[in-house]
Protein backbone atom coordinates (compact mmCIF):
# COMPACT_ATOMS: atom_id res chain seq x y z
CA MET A 1 9.68 41.72 40.14
CA HIS A 2 8.65 42.27 43.80
CA CYS A 3 7.73 39.18 46.00
CA PRO A 4 4.64 37.85 45.60
CA GLU A 5 1.88 39.24 48.16
CA PRO A 6 0.98 36.27 50.69
CA ALA A 7 -2.57 36.13 49.46
CA ILE A 8 -1.33 35.29 46.26
CA ARG A 9 1.33 32.57 47.33
CA ILE A 10 -1.94 30.99 49.24
CA ALA A 11 -3.37 30.81 45.69
CA VAL A 12 -1.04 29.65 43.87
CA ALA A 13 -0.40 26.59 46.58
CA ALA A 14 -3.73 25.78 46.43
CA LEU A 15 -3.85 25.29 42.88
CA LEU A 16 -0.70 23.32 43.00
CA MET A 17 -1.99 21.24 45.64
CA ALA A 18 -5.26 20.36 43.79
CA PRO A 19 -4.80 16.64 43.11
CA ALA A 20 -4.80 15.26 39.57
CA LEU A 21 -6.54 12.16 40.66
CA ALA A 22 -9.14 13.90 42.67
CA LEU A 23 -10.39 16.51 40.55
CA ALA A 24 -11.53 19.53 42.25
CA ALA A 25 -14.66 20.96 40.91
CA ALA A 26 -14.07 23.87 38.34
CA GLU A 27 -16.54 26.38 40.34
CA GLN A 28 -14.56 25.75 43.57
CA VAL A 29 -11.12 26.86 41.66
CA ARG A 30 -12.93 29.71 40.24
CA SER A 31 -14.20 30.96 43.47
CA GLU A 32 -11.62 30.22 45.90
CA LEU A 33 -9.05 32.21 43.46
CA ALA A 34 -11.36 35.26 43.10
CA THR A 35 -11.56 35.30 46.81
CA ARG A 36 -8.03 35.41 47.23
CA LEU A 37 -7.04 37.94 44.43
CA LYS A 38 -9.76 40.49 45.93
CA GLU A 39 -7.86 39.91 49.28
CA ALA A 40 -4.46 40.36 47.35
CA LEU A 41 -5.95 43.48 45.27
CA PRO A 42 -8.15 44.79 47.50
CA GLY A 43 -8.00 48.26 45.52
CA LEU A 44 -9.12 46.29 42.16
CA ALA A 45 -12.94 45.64 41.54
CA ALA A 46 -13.32 42.17 39.69
CA THR A 47 -15.10 43.66 36.88
CA ASP A 48 -11.63 45.63 36.05
CA TYR A 49 -9.94 42.30 35.26
CA ALA A 50 -11.37 42.56 32.21
CA LEU A 51 -9.06 45.37 31.44
CA GLY A 52 -6.26 43.13 31.59
CA SER A 53 -2.77 45.30 32.10
CA ALA A 54 -4.66 48.44 32.18
CA ALA A 55 -6.33 47.99 35.09
CA PHE A 56 -2.82 48.98 36.69
CA ASP A 57 -1.75 51.36 33.93
CA PRO A 58 -3.97 54.67 33.75
CA ALA A 59 -1.69 55.34 30.55
CA LEU A 60 -2.46 52.27 28.97
CA ARG A 61 -6.16 52.65 29.68
CA GLU A 62 -6.13 55.77 27.94
CA ARG A 63 -4.47 54.65 24.92
CA LEU A 64 -6.85 51.66 24.83
CA GLU A 65 -9.90 54.33 24.56
CA GLU A 66 -7.99 56.65 21.93
CA ASN A 67 -7.61 53.26 19.79
CA ARG A 68 -10.94 52.10 20.81
CA ASN A 69 -12.06 51.57 16.86
CA ALA A 70 -8.75 49.77 15.93
CA ALA A 71 -10.49 46.98 14.60
CA ALA A 72 -12.86 48.41 11.98
CA ALA A 73 -10.11 51.25 11.39
CA SER A 74 -7.70 48.14 10.54
CA GLY A 75 -10.04 46.48 8.15
CA VAL A 76 -9.85 43.49 10.36
CA LEU A 77 -13.76 43.27 10.98
CA GLU A 78 -14.59 44.11 7.69
CA GLU A 79 -12.39 41.20 6.41
CA GLY A 80 -13.67 38.89 8.81
CA LYS A 81 -17.49 39.71 8.04
CA ARG A 82 -16.47 38.77 4.29
CA LEU A 83 -14.89 35.43 5.40
CA TRP A 84 -17.94 34.84 7.31
CA ASP A 85 -20.47 35.83 4.76
CA ARG A 86 -18.58 33.73 1.95
CA LYS A 87 -20.36 31.09 0.19
CA PHE A 88 -19.03 27.91 -0.03
CA ARG A 89 -19.23 25.76 -3.20
CA ASN A 90 -22.47 24.00 -1.75
CA GLY A 91 -24.06 27.66 -1.48
CA ARG A 92 -23.63 27.63 2.66
CA THR A 93 -21.69 29.87 4.50
CA LEU A 94 -19.93 29.87 7.85
CA GLY A 95 -22.60 31.86 9.45
CA GLY A 96 -25.01 28.89 8.77
CA CYS A 97 -23.30 26.57 11.21
CA PHE A 98 -24.06 28.79 14.21
CA PRO A 99 -26.81 29.82 15.93
CA ASN A 100 -28.17 33.37 15.29
CA GLY A 101 -25.75 33.33 12.45
CA GLY A 102 -22.70 33.52 15.15
CA ARG A 103 -24.21 36.63 17.03
CA ARG A 104 -23.96 36.00 20.99
CA ILE A 105 -21.93 32.97 20.75
CA ALA A 106 -18.51 34.16 21.57
CA GLY A 107 -18.96 34.39 25.53
CA THR A 108 -19.95 30.47 25.20
CA TYR A 109 -16.41 29.16 24.03
CA PRO A 110 -14.86 26.95 24.47
CA GLN A 111 -17.12 24.22 24.85
CA TYR A 112 -16.99 20.61 25.97
CA ASP A 113 -17.71 18.28 23.15
CA ALA A 114 -19.10 15.09 24.87
CA ARG A 115 -19.01 13.15 21.41
CA LEU A 116 -15.41 13.73 20.88
CA LYS A 117 -14.68 14.02 24.44
CA ARG A 118 -12.66 17.09 23.56
CA VAL A 119 -12.51 20.95 24.18
CA VAL A 120 -13.76 22.81 20.79
CA THR A 121 -12.89 26.62 20.97
CA LEU A 122 -14.33 28.94 18.40
CA GLU A 123 -11.49 28.28 15.72
CA THR A 124 -12.09 24.50 15.96
CA ALA A 125 -15.71 25.00 15.74
CA ILE A 126 -15.18 27.32 12.37
CA ASN A 127 -12.76 24.69 11.17
CA GLN A 128 -15.16 21.65 12.01
CA CYS A 129 -17.84 23.69 9.91
CA LEU A 130 -15.11 23.96 6.73
CA LYS A 131 -14.62 20.28 7.10
CA ALA A 132 -18.17 19.42 7.14
CA HIS A 133 -18.84 21.57 4.23
CA LYS A 134 -15.90 20.33 2.35
CA GLU A 135 -14.03 23.55 2.43
CA PRO A 136 -10.27 23.96 3.10
CA LEU A 137 -9.51 24.45 6.50
CA LEU A 138 -7.81 27.51 8.07
CA ASP A 139 -4.55 27.39 10.23
CA ALA A 140 -5.71 28.20 13.50
CA ASP A 141 -2.80 30.55 14.35
CA ASP A 142 -3.18 32.68 11.03
CA PRO A 143 -4.20 36.07 11.92
CA ARG A 144 -5.27 37.36 8.77
CA THR A 145 -7.82 34.62 8.36
CA MET A 146 -8.76 32.81 11.41
CA GLY A 147 -7.85 35.88 13.15
CA ALA A 148 -10.31 38.26 11.46
CA ILE A 149 -12.99 35.65 11.57
CA VAL A 150 -12.78 35.41 15.16
CA ALA A 151 -12.59 38.86 15.81
CA TYR A 152 -15.43 39.38 13.67
CA VAL A 153 -17.59 37.31 15.57
CA ARG A 154 -16.29 38.54 18.89
CA SER A 155 -17.69 41.89 17.88
CA LEU A 156 -21.20 40.06 17.61
CA SER A 157 -20.84 39.45 21.07
CA ASP A 158 -19.08 42.72 22.57
CA GLY A 159 -20.98 43.21 26.28
CA GLN A 160 -21.90 39.98 26.29
CA LYS A 161 -21.00 37.86 29.89
CA VAL A 162 -18.88 35.23 29.59
CA ALA A 163 -20.71 31.71 30.25
CA VAL A 164 -18.75 29.09 29.79
CA ARG A 165 -19.85 25.51 31.40
CA VAL A 166 -17.73 22.69 32.84
CA PRO A 167 -20.00 19.64 32.78
CA ALA A 168 -18.94 16.62 34.84
CA ALA A 169 -17.33 15.13 31.86
CA ALA A 170 -15.25 18.08 31.17
CA GLU A 171 -13.62 18.07 34.65
CA GLU A 172 -10.64 16.42 33.64
CA ARG A 173 -10.18 18.86 30.59
CA PHE A 174 -10.29 21.64 32.83
CA GLU A 175 -7.96 20.00 35.19
CA ASP A 176 -5.69 19.47 32.66
CA GLY A 177 -5.83 23.08 31.81
CA ARG A 178 -5.06 24.07 35.42
CA ARG A 179 -2.17 21.86 35.64
CA LEU A 180 -0.67 23.24 32.52
CA TYR A 181 -1.19 26.78 34.11
CA VAL A 182 0.89 26.16 36.97
CA THR A 183 3.45 23.67 35.69
CA ARG A 184 6.95 25.39 35.28
CA MET A 185 8.68 24.76 31.94
CA GLY A 186 11.19 25.99 29.63
CA GLN A 187 14.55 27.13 30.37
CA ARG A 188 13.73 29.81 32.69
CA ASN A 189 11.54 27.47 34.52
CA PHE A 190 8.67 29.79 34.70
CA ALA A 191 5.09 28.69 34.90
CA CYS A 192 2.15 30.90 33.75
CA ALA A 193 1.31 31.36 37.37
CA SER A 194 4.81 32.67 38.50
CA CYS A 195 3.89 36.13 36.58
CA HIS A 196 0.14 36.37 36.48
CA LEU A 197 -0.68 34.80 40.00
CA GLN A 198 2.24 35.56 42.03
CA GLY A 199 3.06 38.27 40.19
CA ALA A 200 -0.64 40.01 39.53
CA GLY A 201 -0.56 43.83 39.29
CA LYS A 202 3.07 43.94 39.60
CA TRP A 203 5.73 45.65 36.66
CA TYR A 204 7.85 43.27 34.96
CA ALA A 205 9.88 44.26 32.27
CA GLU A 206 8.07 47.27 31.51
CA ARG A 207 4.70 45.21 31.69
CA ALA A 208 1.96 45.33 33.97
CA LEU A 209 1.10 41.79 34.69
CA SER A 210 -2.52 40.87 34.38
CA PRO A 211 -4.56 38.22 36.67
CA PRO A 212 -5.83 35.12 35.01
CA PRO A 213 -9.43 36.14 35.46
CA GLY A 214 -10.17 38.63 32.45
CA GLN A 215 -7.45 37.47 30.36
CA ALA A 216 -10.02 35.62 28.17
CA VAL A 217 -12.48 38.58 27.92
CA HIS A 218 -9.86 40.30 26.08
CA GLY A 219 -8.88 36.74 24.37
CA THR A 220 -8.50 38.64 20.79
CA VAL A 221 -6.69 41.77 20.64
CA ILE A 222 -5.40 43.89 17.51
CA ARG A 223 -2.14 44.67 17.45
CA ASN A 224 0.17 45.69 14.12
CA GLY A 225 -3.23 46.14 12.41
CA VAL A 226 -3.99 42.53 12.61
CA ALA A 227 -6.13 40.36 15.12
CA ILE A 228 -3.85 38.17 17.65
CA GLY A 229 -5.84 35.36 19.27
CA LEU A 230 -5.41 34.53 22.89
CA GLN A 231 -3.47 30.80 21.92
CA THR A 232 -1.22 32.98 19.93
CA ARG A 233 -0.20 35.25 22.94
CA ILE A 234 -0.06 32.28 24.86
CA ARG A 235 2.65 30.77 22.27
CA GLU A 236 4.25 34.16 22.52
CA CYS A 237 4.69 33.79 26.35
CA LEU A 238 6.01 30.06 26.12
CA GLU A 239 8.72 31.31 23.82
CA ARG A 240 9.61 34.10 26.54
CA MET A 241 9.72 31.30 28.90
CA GLY A 242 12.05 29.50 26.89
CA ALA A 243 9.43 26.91 26.25
CA ALA A 244 8.63 25.06 23.08
CA PRO A 245 5.17 26.41 22.19
CA PHE A 246 2.09 23.94 21.94
CA ALA A 247 0.90 23.87 18.66
CA ALA A 248 -2.04 26.04 18.04
CA GLY A 249 -5.35 24.39 18.41
CA SER A 250 -3.74 21.24 20.26
CA ASP A 251 -5.57 19.57 23.21
CA GLU A 252 -2.76 21.43 25.70
CA LEU A 253 -3.79 25.10 24.51
CA ASN A 254 -7.55 24.14 24.09
CA ASN A 255 -7.69 23.12 27.52
CA LEU A 256 -5.59 25.90 29.02
CA GLU A 257 -7.90 28.36 27.23
CA TYR A 258 -10.67 26.27 28.60
CA PHE A 259 -9.33 27.03 31.93
CA LEU A 260 -8.78 30.45 31.79
CA THR A 261 -12.02 31.45 30.28
CA TYR A 262 -13.84 29.64 32.75
CA LEU A 263 -12.44 31.84 34.93
CA SER A 264 -13.92 35.01 33.32
CA ASN A 265 -17.08 33.52 33.87
CA GLY A 266 -19.49 36.77 34.45
CA LEU A 267 -17.39 39.21 33.14
CA VAL A 268 -18.35 41.35 29.91
CA LEU A 269 -16.55 40.51 26.74
CA LYS A 270 -14.35 42.93 25.63
CA ALA A 271 -14.10 42.65 21.73
CA ASN A 272 -10.76 43.06 19.82
CA PRO A 273 -9.02 45.80 22.21
CA TRP A 274 -6.20 47.60 20.86
CA ARG A 275 -2.70 46.36 21.85
CA PRO A 276 0.82 48.52 21.29
CA PRO A 277 3.31 46.67 19.06
CA ARG A 278 5.29 43.96 21.28
CA GLU A 279 8.62 45.96 20.23
CA ALA A 280 7.35 49.55 21.48
CA PRO A 281 8.97 50.96 24.51
CA VAL A 282 5.67 51.35 26.48
CA ARG A 283 4.34 49.93 30.08
CA ALA A 284 1.75 47.58 28.11
CA GLY A 285 0.82 44.18 28.99
CA SER A 286 -1.14 41.38 27.15
C-alpha cells in the first residue's frame, strides 16, 4: 500500500485524539472527516462514496451495472418477502411491527433506544418484533434468513437518503463506534482506519479501499447468491486483521455500525448491490 496522503493522516490523527471523556459531537466528526476526505480525494464527488470500491475501479463499476438485478435474480428478495409476510401464530407479521409495512425505513437505522440505552440495528428490531410475538429469533449473521429479510426491507428503501440521528443521549454509543474504528487490534495490529482512512482510494491486495462514508449505504450486498450484511463484512475484516470478531448483534458491532452509518448521512441508499465472490481474483473491494 502506498503511504497515506497528508490530509488523511490528519483525519486519522483528529479521530484518534478525540478524548473519550469529552465526547465530540457526532456531526462535528462527520463534517471534519468529510472535509479532509474531499481534500485528499479531490477528484471524487461525495456522492461517489456510495459506490464503495467501484468509485476507484471502472471495471468493477461496469460489473456492478451488469449485475444490478442480482438480488432479484438470486431469489434473495423473493425469500425475504416471504419471510417478511409470513404470518405468526397470532396472525401478525414482521411488516406489522414497522411503519408503513417497512417501506422507507432502512435509511433510518441504526437507531438509539432511550429505554434500553442501546443502539438498535434493523436486525435487532426484527428480532425484537419476533420476541414480542413469541416467535423464534433469527441468527443475526444468517444470510439466508435475516440477511434475506434485511435485503428485502432495504429494497423498499432504495434511493432513500440515509438519515440516522445521534441524540445527546447516544453520543457515548457513537463515540464507542468511533473508538473501535480507530483502535488497532489483532495479530496484524491494524485498525479499520488503517485501510479505509489511511488507504482510502489506494489499492491493497488487489482491492480498492473504500472510505468510511458510503460503506453503510451499500451495507448489504449480494455475494455468491446470498445477502451478506454489513456486520458480517466487518467480522470478515477483523478476521483478516487477525482479530477475534465481535459477535454479530453485539453492542460493539452495533455501535460501530451506528458510527459508520451516521458518516453516510445524506447519501442515497444503494439496496443490495452485487459483489464478486471473495475468492475471485479480481480487483474488487467491499
